[in-house]
């Protein structure tokens, strides 16, 4: 008898994990809250292949890259939230305690790629250990603006992350930007020293 995949109707918020380990920021309805639901956009980039024998129409298209964004609206502000929203910043730390006390603009020429973090999106409608619908993006960082209005209304911090190719990418193989499901196709790779 054939196994039938369950019907997955997307519904509700997702837990969004940015980074890994102790420094990870979780929008999970416990550690951090979302003022609005998050949004993911993944867009392939193609180049047209035109064959003159068939006129000027497109004969084929070839994949040449990917673009992607994740947008989260945090319900509160903190230095860590502002740091996510503005990757082109550097930390200001207390000279004695080493504690993070603020942010400042980065020097010209700073790489945003080096600020990139892994992002995992897990729909809350599924059990924590059910990873089949998880979306993992290997490397994302913000490269946009931070806009703020100051009025008698609820404020929030909008964080828009842009996707970059993963570390140790191989343009001759798939799996350089993201994967969907619980199995990382690059899990067996060892990072470069």
N, C-alpha and C. Protein backbone atom coordinates (compact mmCIF):
# COMPACT_ATOMS: atom_id res chain seq x y z
N UNK A 1 0.84 -1.17 0.00
CA UNK A 1 0.00 0.00 0.00
C UNK A 1 0.89 1.24 0.00
N UNK A 2 0.57 2.20 -0.84
CA UNK A 2 1.36 3.42 -0.97
C UNK A 2 1.15 4.34 0.22
N UNK A 3 2.23 5.00 0.64
CA UNK A 3 2.15 5.98 1.72
C UNK A 3 1.70 7.31 1.14
N UNK A 4 0.75 7.94 1.78
CA UNK A 4 0.25 9.22 1.32
C UNK A 4 0.82 10.31 2.21
N UNK A 5 1.42 11.33 1.59
CA UNK A 5 1.93 12.46 2.36
C UNK A 5 0.77 13.18 3.01
N UNK A 6 0.94 13.64 4.26
CA UNK A 6 -0.13 14.41 4.89
C UNK A 6 -0.32 15.74 4.16
N UNK A 7 -1.51 16.25 4.21
CA UNK A 7 -1.80 17.55 3.59
C UNK A 7 -1.32 18.63 4.55
N UNK A 8 -0.47 19.50 4.06
CA UNK A 8 0.09 20.58 4.88
C UNK A 8 -0.53 21.90 4.44
N UNK A 9 -1.47 22.38 5.21
CA UNK A 9 -2.08 23.67 4.92
C UNK A 9 -1.40 24.70 5.82
N UNK A 10 -0.63 25.63 5.24
CA UNK A 10 0.07 26.59 6.08
C UNK A 10 -0.91 27.43 6.89
N UNK A 11 -0.61 27.58 8.18
CA UNK A 11 -1.48 28.36 9.05
C UNK A 11 -0.67 28.91 10.22
N UNK A 12 -0.85 30.17 10.50
CA UNK A 12 -0.30 30.77 11.71
C UNK A 12 1.16 31.17 11.63
N UNK A 13 1.66 31.59 12.78
CA UNK A 13 3.03 32.07 12.90
C UNK A 13 4.04 30.93 12.80
N UNK A 14 5.28 31.32 12.56
CA UNK A 14 6.40 30.39 12.59
C UNK A 14 7.40 30.87 13.62
N UNK A 15 8.10 29.92 14.22
CA UNK A 15 9.25 30.28 15.04
C UNK A 15 10.38 30.61 14.09
N UNK A 16 11.05 31.71 14.34
CA UNK A 16 12.17 32.12 13.49
C UNK A 16 13.40 32.22 14.38
N UNK A 17 14.40 31.41 14.06
CA UNK A 17 15.65 31.38 14.81
C UNK A 17 16.73 32.02 13.96
N UNK A 18 17.38 33.06 14.51
CA UNK A 18 18.43 33.77 13.79
C UNK A 18 19.74 33.53 14.53
N UNK A 19 20.69 32.89 13.85
CA UNK A 19 21.97 32.56 14.47
C UNK A 19 21.93 31.18 15.08
N UNK A 20 23.01 30.85 15.76
CA UNK A 20 23.14 29.53 16.37
C UNK A 20 23.76 29.66 17.75
N UNK A 21 23.52 28.67 18.58
CA UNK A 21 24.14 28.63 19.90
C UNK A 21 23.58 29.66 20.86
N UNK A 22 24.40 30.06 21.82
CA UNK A 22 23.98 30.96 22.89
C UNK A 22 23.60 32.36 22.39
N UNK A 23 24.17 32.79 21.26
CA UNK A 23 23.89 34.12 20.73
C UNK A 23 22.68 34.16 19.81
N UNK A 24 22.02 33.03 19.58
CA UNK A 24 20.86 32.98 18.69
C UNK A 24 19.73 33.83 19.25
N UNK A 25 18.99 34.45 18.35
CA UNK A 25 17.81 35.21 18.73
C UNK A 25 16.61 34.45 18.21
N UNK A 26 15.67 34.13 19.13
CA UNK A 26 14.50 33.33 18.79
C UNK A 26 13.25 34.18 18.85
N UNK A 27 12.51 34.18 17.74
CA UNK A 27 11.16 34.74 17.73
C UNK A 27 10.23 33.54 17.83
N UNK A 28 9.94 33.14 19.07
CA UNK A 28 9.22 31.89 19.30
C UNK A 28 8.00 32.06 20.19
N UNK A 29 7.58 33.29 20.43
CA UNK A 29 6.44 33.52 21.30
C UNK A 29 6.78 33.39 22.77
N UNK A 30 8.05 33.16 23.09
CA UNK A 30 8.51 33.07 24.48
C UNK A 30 9.66 34.05 24.70
N UNK A 31 10.77 33.82 23.99
CA UNK A 31 11.94 34.69 24.15
C UNK A 31 11.71 36.07 23.53
N UNK A 32 11.16 36.08 22.32
CA UNK A 32 10.87 37.33 21.60
C UNK A 32 9.55 37.18 20.86
N UNK A 33 8.85 38.30 20.75
CA UNK A 33 7.54 38.31 20.11
C UNK A 33 7.58 39.04 18.77
N UNK A 34 6.66 38.64 17.89
CA UNK A 34 6.50 39.28 16.59
C UNK A 34 5.29 40.21 16.64
N UNK A 35 5.48 41.47 16.28
CA UNK A 35 4.36 42.40 16.24
C UNK A 35 3.46 42.09 15.04
N UNK A 36 4.04 41.52 14.01
CA UNK A 36 3.32 41.07 12.82
C UNK A 36 3.94 39.73 12.43
N UNK A 37 3.26 38.94 11.66
CA UNK A 37 3.83 37.67 11.21
C UNK A 37 5.04 37.91 10.32
N UNK A 38 5.98 36.97 10.30
CA UNK A 38 7.15 37.09 9.45
C UNK A 38 6.82 36.79 8.00
N UNK A 39 7.76 37.12 7.13
CA UNK A 39 7.56 36.88 5.70
C UNK A 39 8.86 36.41 5.07
N UNK A 40 8.76 35.41 4.21
CA UNK A 40 9.90 34.86 3.48
C UNK A 40 9.67 35.03 1.99
N UNK A 41 10.72 35.42 1.28
CA UNK A 41 10.67 35.51 -0.18
C UNK A 41 11.94 34.87 -0.73
N UNK A 42 11.78 33.87 -1.60
CA UNK A 42 12.90 33.24 -2.30
C UNK A 42 12.64 33.36 -3.80
N UNK A 43 13.58 33.96 -4.53
CA UNK A 43 13.38 34.23 -5.95
C UNK A 43 14.58 33.76 -6.76
N UNK A 44 14.39 32.81 -7.68
CA UNK A 44 15.50 32.41 -8.54
C UNK A 44 15.76 33.48 -9.60
N UNK A 45 17.03 33.62 -10.01
CA UNK A 45 17.42 34.54 -11.09
C UNK A 45 17.80 33.70 -12.30
N UNK A 46 17.27 34.07 -13.46
CA UNK A 46 17.52 33.32 -14.69
C UNK A 46 18.09 34.21 -15.78
N UNK A 47 18.85 33.63 -16.67
CA UNK A 47 19.30 34.27 -17.90
C UNK A 47 18.60 33.57 -19.06
N UNK A 48 18.11 34.36 -20.00
CA UNK A 48 17.42 33.80 -21.16
C UNK A 48 18.42 33.17 -22.14
N UNK A 49 18.00 32.06 -22.72
CA UNK A 49 18.73 31.42 -23.81
C UNK A 49 17.86 31.62 -25.06
N UNK A 50 18.43 32.30 -26.04
CA UNK A 50 17.71 32.60 -27.28
C UNK A 50 18.42 31.87 -28.42
N UNK A 51 17.66 31.14 -29.22
CA UNK A 51 18.20 30.41 -30.37
C UNK A 51 17.62 31.07 -31.62
N UNK A 52 18.48 31.65 -32.42
CA UNK A 52 18.03 32.41 -33.59
C UNK A 52 17.18 31.58 -34.54
N UNK A 53 17.42 30.27 -34.60
CA UNK A 53 16.62 29.42 -35.48
C UNK A 53 15.14 29.46 -35.12
N UNK A 54 14.83 29.84 -33.88
CA UNK A 54 13.45 29.89 -33.42
C UNK A 54 12.98 31.32 -33.15
N UNK A 55 13.64 32.28 -33.74
CA UNK A 55 13.23 33.67 -33.59
C UNK A 55 13.86 34.32 -32.36
N UNK A 56 13.19 35.34 -31.88
CA UNK A 56 13.74 36.11 -30.75
C UNK A 56 13.12 35.71 -29.42
N UNK A 57 12.24 34.71 -29.44
CA UNK A 57 11.63 34.24 -28.20
C UNK A 57 12.60 33.44 -27.35
N UNK A 58 12.23 33.25 -26.13
CA UNK A 58 13.08 32.51 -25.18
C UNK A 58 12.95 31.02 -25.45
N UNK A 59 14.09 30.37 -25.70
CA UNK A 59 14.14 28.92 -25.93
C UNK A 59 14.25 28.19 -24.59
N UNK A 60 15.00 28.77 -23.67
CA UNK A 60 15.24 28.16 -22.36
C UNK A 60 15.67 29.28 -21.41
N UNK A 61 15.72 28.96 -20.15
CA UNK A 61 16.29 29.86 -19.15
C UNK A 61 17.22 29.05 -18.27
N UNK A 62 18.32 29.65 -17.86
CA UNK A 62 19.30 28.99 -17.02
C UNK A 62 19.43 29.72 -15.70
N UNK A 63 19.46 28.95 -14.62
CA UNK A 63 19.59 29.50 -13.29
C UNK A 63 20.96 30.13 -13.11
N UNK A 64 21.00 31.39 -12.65
CA UNK A 64 22.27 32.08 -12.43
C UNK A 64 22.43 32.60 -11.00
N UNK A 65 21.44 32.37 -10.16
CA UNK A 65 21.56 32.80 -8.77
C UNK A 65 20.22 32.81 -8.07
N UNK A 66 20.24 33.23 -6.83
CA UNK A 66 19.04 33.32 -6.01
C UNK A 66 19.04 34.62 -5.23
N UNK A 67 17.87 35.14 -4.98
CA UNK A 67 17.68 36.27 -4.08
C UNK A 67 16.67 35.84 -3.03
N UNK A 68 16.84 36.32 -1.82
CA UNK A 68 15.90 35.95 -0.77
C UNK A 68 15.91 36.96 0.35
N UNK A 69 14.75 37.12 0.98
CA UNK A 69 14.63 37.99 2.14
C UNK A 69 13.74 37.33 3.19
N UNK A 70 14.00 37.66 4.44
CA UNK A 70 13.13 37.33 5.55
C UNK A 70 12.85 38.63 6.27
N UNK A 71 11.57 38.91 6.52
CA UNK A 71 11.18 40.11 7.24
C UNK A 71 10.48 39.71 8.52
N UNK A 72 10.93 40.29 9.62
CA UNK A 72 10.34 40.05 10.94
C UNK A 72 10.09 41.42 11.56
N UNK A 73 8.95 41.58 12.20
CA UNK A 73 8.67 42.81 12.92
C UNK A 73 8.69 42.49 14.40
N UNK A 74 9.77 42.87 15.06
CA UNK A 74 9.93 42.61 16.48
C UNK A 74 9.03 43.55 17.27
N UNK A 75 8.42 43.02 18.33
CA UNK A 75 7.48 43.83 19.11
C UNK A 75 8.18 44.71 20.14
N UNK A 76 9.47 44.54 20.31
CA UNK A 76 10.20 45.39 21.25
C UNK A 76 11.57 45.72 20.69
N UNK A 77 12.19 46.71 21.27
CA UNK A 77 13.52 47.07 20.80
C UNK A 77 14.55 46.81 21.89
N UNK A 78 15.72 46.41 21.45
CA UNK A 78 16.88 46.22 22.31
C UNK A 78 18.09 46.45 21.41
N UNK A 79 19.24 46.54 22.00
CA UNK A 79 20.45 46.71 21.20
C UNK A 79 20.62 45.53 20.24
N UNK A 80 20.33 44.31 20.70
CA UNK A 80 20.45 43.13 19.83
C UNK A 80 19.48 43.18 18.65
N UNK A 81 18.25 43.67 18.89
CA UNK A 81 17.27 43.81 17.79
C UNK A 81 17.74 44.86 16.79
N UNK A 82 18.24 45.97 17.29
CA UNK A 82 18.74 47.02 16.40
C UNK A 82 19.96 46.54 15.61
N UNK A 83 20.77 45.71 16.24
CA UNK A 83 21.94 45.14 15.57
C UNK A 83 21.53 44.21 14.43
N UNK A 84 20.45 43.45 14.63
CA UNK A 84 19.93 42.62 13.54
C UNK A 84 19.40 43.48 12.40
N UNK A 85 18.70 44.57 12.76
CA UNK A 85 18.11 45.44 11.74
C UNK A 85 19.16 46.24 10.98
N UNK A 86 20.29 46.50 11.61
CA UNK A 86 21.36 47.29 11.00
C UNK A 86 22.69 46.53 11.09
N UNK A 87 22.94 45.66 10.15
CA UNK A 87 24.17 44.85 10.20
C UNK A 87 25.41 45.70 9.98
N UNK A 88 25.28 46.85 9.36
CA UNK A 88 26.43 47.72 9.09
C UNK A 88 26.76 48.56 10.32
N UNK A 89 26.76 47.90 11.49
CA UNK A 89 27.08 48.58 12.75
C UNK A 89 28.12 47.76 13.51
N UNK A 90 28.72 48.42 14.47
CA UNK A 90 29.68 47.77 15.37
C UNK A 90 29.20 47.97 16.79
N UNK A 91 29.56 47.05 17.66
CA UNK A 91 29.16 47.12 19.06
C UNK A 91 29.98 48.15 19.82
N UNK A 92 29.33 48.81 20.76
CA UNK A 92 29.99 49.65 21.75
C UNK A 92 29.90 48.88 23.07
N UNK A 93 31.04 48.63 23.68
CA UNK A 93 31.05 47.87 24.93
C UNK A 93 31.65 48.71 26.05
N UNK A 94 31.20 48.41 27.25
CA UNK A 94 31.74 49.06 28.44
C UNK A 94 33.18 48.60 28.62
N UNK A 95 34.10 49.55 28.83
CA UNK A 95 35.53 49.24 28.92
C UNK A 95 35.84 48.33 30.10
N UNK A 96 35.12 48.44 31.17
CA UNK A 96 35.43 47.64 32.36
C UNK A 96 34.73 46.28 32.35
N UNK A 97 33.42 46.29 32.09
CA UNK A 97 32.66 45.03 32.18
C UNK A 97 32.63 44.25 30.88
N UNK A 98 32.87 44.93 29.76
CA UNK A 98 32.78 44.27 28.46
C UNK A 98 31.35 44.09 27.98
N UNK A 99 30.37 44.63 28.72
CA UNK A 99 28.96 44.50 28.35
C UNK A 99 28.62 45.38 27.15
N UNK A 100 27.73 44.89 26.33
CA UNK A 100 27.23 45.63 25.19
C UNK A 100 26.39 46.80 25.68
N UNK A 101 26.76 48.02 25.28
CA UNK A 101 26.03 49.20 25.73
C UNK A 101 25.42 50.01 24.59
N UNK A 102 25.81 49.72 23.35
CA UNK A 102 25.26 50.48 22.24
C UNK A 102 25.82 50.02 20.91
N UNK A 103 25.50 50.78 19.87
CA UNK A 103 25.95 50.50 18.51
C UNK A 103 26.48 51.77 17.87
N UNK A 104 27.35 51.61 16.90
CA UNK A 104 27.83 52.73 16.08
C UNK A 104 27.96 52.24 14.65
N UNK A 105 28.01 53.18 13.71
CA UNK A 105 28.14 52.80 12.31
C UNK A 105 29.50 52.14 12.07
N UNK A 106 29.51 51.16 11.15
CA UNK A 106 30.75 50.46 10.80
C UNK A 106 31.62 51.33 9.91
N UNK A 107 32.91 50.99 9.86
CA UNK A 107 33.81 51.73 8.97
C UNK A 107 33.48 51.43 7.52
N UNK A 108 33.82 52.32 6.64
CA UNK A 108 33.57 52.14 5.21
C UNK A 108 34.32 50.90 4.72
N UNK A 109 33.69 50.14 3.87
CA UNK A 109 34.30 48.93 3.32
C UNK A 109 34.02 47.68 4.12
N UNK A 110 33.23 47.79 5.20
CA UNK A 110 32.90 46.63 6.01
C UNK A 110 32.06 45.63 5.21
N UNK A 111 32.41 44.37 5.30
CA UNK A 111 31.65 43.31 4.62
C UNK A 111 30.39 42.98 5.41
N UNK A 112 29.25 43.03 4.76
CA UNK A 112 28.00 42.63 5.39
C UNK A 112 27.92 41.10 5.45
N UNK A 113 28.52 40.44 4.48
CA UNK A 113 28.53 38.97 4.45
C UNK A 113 29.09 38.39 5.75
N UNK A 114 30.12 39.04 6.30
CA UNK A 114 30.73 38.55 7.53
C UNK A 114 29.77 38.67 8.73
N UNK A 115 28.73 39.48 8.59
CA UNK A 115 27.75 39.64 9.67
C UNK A 115 26.60 38.63 9.53
N UNK A 116 26.63 37.82 8.46
CA UNK A 116 25.54 36.90 8.17
C UNK A 116 25.36 35.81 9.21
N UNK A 117 24.10 35.41 9.38
CA UNK A 117 23.73 34.37 10.34
C UNK A 117 22.80 33.36 9.66
N UNK A 118 22.81 32.16 10.18
CA UNK A 118 21.88 31.12 9.73
C UNK A 118 20.48 31.47 10.23
N UNK A 119 19.47 31.24 9.39
CA UNK A 119 18.08 31.50 9.77
C UNK A 119 17.27 30.22 9.54
N UNK A 120 16.54 29.81 10.57
CA UNK A 120 15.68 28.64 10.47
C UNK A 120 14.25 29.05 10.79
N UNK A 121 13.32 28.67 9.92
CA UNK A 121 11.91 29.00 10.07
C UNK A 121 11.15 27.69 10.29
N UNK A 122 10.48 27.59 11.44
CA UNK A 122 9.74 26.38 11.80
C UNK A 122 8.27 26.76 12.05
N UNK A 123 7.35 26.30 11.19
CA UNK A 123 5.93 26.61 11.42
C UNK A 123 5.47 26.09 12.79
N UNK A 124 4.85 26.94 13.58
CA UNK A 124 4.42 26.58 14.93
C UNK A 124 3.31 25.54 14.94
N UNK A 125 2.64 25.33 13.82
CA UNK A 125 1.56 24.36 13.80
C UNK A 125 2.07 22.93 13.91
N UNK A 126 3.39 22.74 13.74
CA UNK A 126 3.97 21.40 13.81
C UNK A 126 4.76 21.22 15.11
N UNK A 127 4.85 19.98 15.57
CA UNK A 127 5.63 19.67 16.76
C UNK A 127 7.08 20.11 16.55
N UNK A 128 7.76 20.40 17.64
CA UNK A 128 9.13 20.89 17.59
C UNK A 128 10.05 19.93 16.85
N UNK A 129 9.83 18.63 16.99
CA UNK A 129 10.70 17.65 16.35
C UNK A 129 10.28 17.29 14.93
N UNK A 130 9.21 17.90 14.42
CA UNK A 130 8.77 17.66 13.03
C UNK A 130 9.40 18.74 12.15
N UNK A 131 10.41 18.37 11.39
CA UNK A 131 11.21 19.34 10.63
C UNK A 131 10.91 19.34 9.12
N UNK A 132 9.96 18.52 8.66
CA UNK A 132 9.72 18.37 7.22
C UNK A 132 9.36 19.68 6.52
N UNK A 133 8.77 20.63 7.22
CA UNK A 133 8.37 21.89 6.61
C UNK A 133 9.28 23.06 7.02
N UNK A 134 10.35 22.77 7.74
CA UNK A 134 11.30 23.82 8.13
C UNK A 134 12.01 24.36 6.89
N UNK A 135 12.32 25.64 6.92
CA UNK A 135 13.11 26.27 5.87
C UNK A 135 14.35 26.84 6.55
N UNK A 136 15.52 26.46 6.04
CA UNK A 136 16.78 26.93 6.60
C UNK A 136 17.55 27.67 5.52
N UNK A 137 17.94 28.90 5.83
CA UNK A 137 18.76 29.71 4.93
C UNK A 137 20.14 29.79 5.58
N UNK A 138 21.17 29.43 4.84
CA UNK A 138 22.50 29.32 5.40
C UNK A 138 23.08 30.63 5.91
N UNK A 139 22.84 31.74 5.21
CA UNK A 139 23.51 32.99 5.58
C UNK A 139 22.63 34.18 5.20
N UNK A 140 22.30 34.99 6.21
CA UNK A 140 21.49 36.18 5.98
C UNK A 140 21.99 37.32 6.86
N UNK A 141 21.86 38.54 6.34
CA UNK A 141 22.18 39.74 7.11
C UNK A 141 21.34 40.89 6.56
N UNK A 142 21.13 41.89 7.37
CA UNK A 142 20.36 43.05 6.91
C UNK A 142 21.28 43.98 6.12
N UNK A 143 20.74 44.55 5.06
CA UNK A 143 21.50 45.54 4.29
C UNK A 143 20.63 46.74 3.95
N UNK A 144 19.51 46.89 4.65
CA UNK A 144 18.59 47.98 4.36
C UNK A 144 18.59 49.03 5.44
N UNK A 145 17.54 49.80 5.42
CA UNK A 145 17.41 50.94 6.32
C UNK A 145 16.67 50.57 7.59
N UNK A 146 16.80 51.43 8.56
CA UNK A 146 15.95 51.35 9.74
C UNK A 146 15.16 52.65 9.76
N UNK A 147 13.85 52.54 9.78
CA UNK A 147 12.99 53.71 9.83
C UNK A 147 12.20 53.67 11.12
N UNK A 148 12.00 54.81 11.74
CA UNK A 148 11.30 54.86 13.02
C UNK A 148 10.43 56.10 13.06
N UNK A 149 9.19 55.92 13.46
CA UNK A 149 8.32 57.06 13.72
C UNK A 149 8.17 57.17 15.22
N UNK A 150 8.04 58.38 15.68
CA UNK A 150 7.88 58.62 17.12
C UNK A 150 6.56 59.33 17.33
N UNK A 151 5.58 58.59 17.77
CA UNK A 151 4.25 59.15 18.00
C UNK A 151 3.56 58.37 19.10
N UNK A 152 2.31 58.69 19.32
CA UNK A 152 1.53 58.01 20.35
C UNK A 152 0.91 56.74 19.78
N UNK A 153 1.75 55.80 19.45
CA UNK A 153 1.31 54.53 18.88
C UNK A 153 2.36 53.48 19.20
N UNK A 154 2.00 52.24 19.03
CA UNK A 154 2.96 51.16 19.30
C UNK A 154 4.10 51.23 18.31
N UNK A 155 5.31 51.17 18.83
CA UNK A 155 6.48 51.12 17.97
C UNK A 155 6.94 49.67 17.82
N UNK A 156 7.80 49.43 16.87
CA UNK A 156 8.37 48.11 16.68
C UNK A 156 9.67 48.24 15.91
N UNK A 157 10.36 47.15 15.72
CA UNK A 157 11.62 47.13 14.97
C UNK A 157 11.45 46.16 13.81
N UNK A 158 11.49 46.67 12.59
CA UNK A 158 11.39 45.82 11.41
C UNK A 158 12.80 45.37 11.02
N UNK A 159 12.94 44.06 10.91
CA UNK A 159 14.23 43.46 10.56
C UNK A 159 14.06 42.78 9.21
N UNK A 160 14.79 43.25 8.21
CA UNK A 160 14.75 42.61 6.89
C UNK A 160 16.12 42.05 6.58
N UNK A 161 16.19 40.74 6.48
CA UNK A 161 17.44 40.04 6.23
C UNK A 161 17.53 39.64 4.76
N UNK A 162 18.72 39.76 4.19
CA UNK A 162 18.97 39.41 2.79
C UNK A 162 19.84 38.17 2.75
N UNK A 163 19.53 37.29 1.80
CA UNK A 163 20.23 36.01 1.68
C UNK A 163 21.54 36.16 0.91
N UNK A 164 22.57 35.48 1.41
CA UNK A 164 23.86 35.39 0.74
C UNK A 164 24.18 33.91 0.52
N UNK A 165 25.09 33.63 -0.39
CA UNK A 165 25.53 32.26 -0.62
C UNK A 165 26.25 31.77 0.65
N UNK A 166 26.13 30.49 0.95
CA UNK A 166 26.70 29.93 2.18
C UNK A 166 28.22 29.93 2.13
N UNK A 167 28.84 29.83 3.30
CA UNK A 167 30.29 29.63 3.38
C UNK A 167 30.60 28.27 2.76
N UNK A 168 31.76 28.15 2.16
CA UNK A 168 32.22 26.91 1.51
C UNK A 168 31.29 26.48 0.38
N UNK A 169 30.67 27.43 -0.29
CA UNK A 169 29.76 27.11 -1.40
C UNK A 169 30.52 26.51 -2.57
N UNK A 170 29.81 25.74 -3.37
CA UNK A 170 30.36 25.13 -4.58
C UNK A 170 29.38 25.39 -5.70
N UNK A 171 29.71 26.29 -6.61
CA UNK A 171 28.81 26.67 -7.70
C UNK A 171 28.51 25.51 -8.64
N UNK A 172 29.28 24.43 -8.55
CA UNK A 172 29.04 23.26 -9.39
C UNK A 172 28.08 22.27 -8.76
N UNK A 173 27.58 22.59 -7.56
CA UNK A 173 26.67 21.70 -6.85
C UNK A 173 25.47 22.49 -6.35
N UNK A 174 24.35 21.80 -6.08
CA UNK A 174 23.19 22.48 -5.49
C UNK A 174 23.40 22.67 -3.98
N UNK A 175 22.48 23.36 -3.35
CA UNK A 175 22.49 23.50 -1.90
C UNK A 175 23.39 24.61 -1.39
N UNK A 176 23.47 25.72 -2.11
CA UNK A 176 24.35 26.81 -1.72
C UNK A 176 23.65 27.94 -0.97
N UNK A 177 22.33 27.99 -1.01
CA UNK A 177 21.59 29.08 -0.39
C UNK A 177 20.67 28.62 0.74
N UNK A 178 19.88 27.58 0.50
CA UNK A 178 18.87 27.17 1.47
C UNK A 178 18.51 25.70 1.27
N UNK A 179 17.76 25.17 2.23
CA UNK A 179 17.14 23.86 2.06
C UNK A 179 15.84 23.83 2.84
N UNK A 180 14.94 22.96 2.41
CA UNK A 180 13.64 22.79 3.05
C UNK A 180 13.57 21.36 3.56
N UNK A 181 13.18 21.19 4.81
CA UNK A 181 13.11 19.87 5.43
C UNK A 181 14.13 19.76 6.55
N UNK A 182 14.21 18.60 7.13
CA UNK A 182 15.05 18.40 8.31
C UNK A 182 16.45 17.90 8.04
N UNK A 183 16.81 17.69 6.76
CA UNK A 183 18.14 17.16 6.44
C UNK A 183 18.97 18.18 5.70
N UNK A 184 20.05 18.63 6.32
CA UNK A 184 20.97 19.58 5.70
C UNK A 184 21.82 18.81 4.68
N UNK A 185 21.70 19.14 3.38
CA UNK A 185 22.47 18.40 2.38
C UNK A 185 23.98 18.63 2.48
N UNK A 186 24.38 19.62 3.25
CA UNK A 186 25.80 19.92 3.42
C UNK A 186 26.30 19.58 4.82
N UNK A 187 25.56 18.82 5.57
CA UNK A 187 25.92 18.53 6.96
C UNK A 187 27.22 17.78 7.10
N UNK A 188 27.61 17.01 6.11
CA UNK A 188 28.83 16.20 6.23
C UNK A 188 30.09 17.00 5.90
N UNK A 189 29.91 18.22 5.37
CA UNK A 189 31.08 19.04 5.03
C UNK A 189 31.74 19.57 6.28
N UNK A 190 33.06 19.68 6.24
CA UNK A 190 33.77 20.29 7.34
C UNK A 190 34.13 21.72 6.95
N UNK A 191 33.94 22.69 7.84
CA UNK A 191 34.26 24.08 7.51
C UNK A 191 35.74 24.25 7.22
N UNK A 192 36.03 25.21 6.35
CA UNK A 192 37.42 25.53 6.03
C UNK A 192 38.08 26.19 7.23
N UNK A 193 39.35 25.92 7.42
CA UNK A 193 40.08 26.49 8.57
C UNK A 193 40.50 27.90 8.29
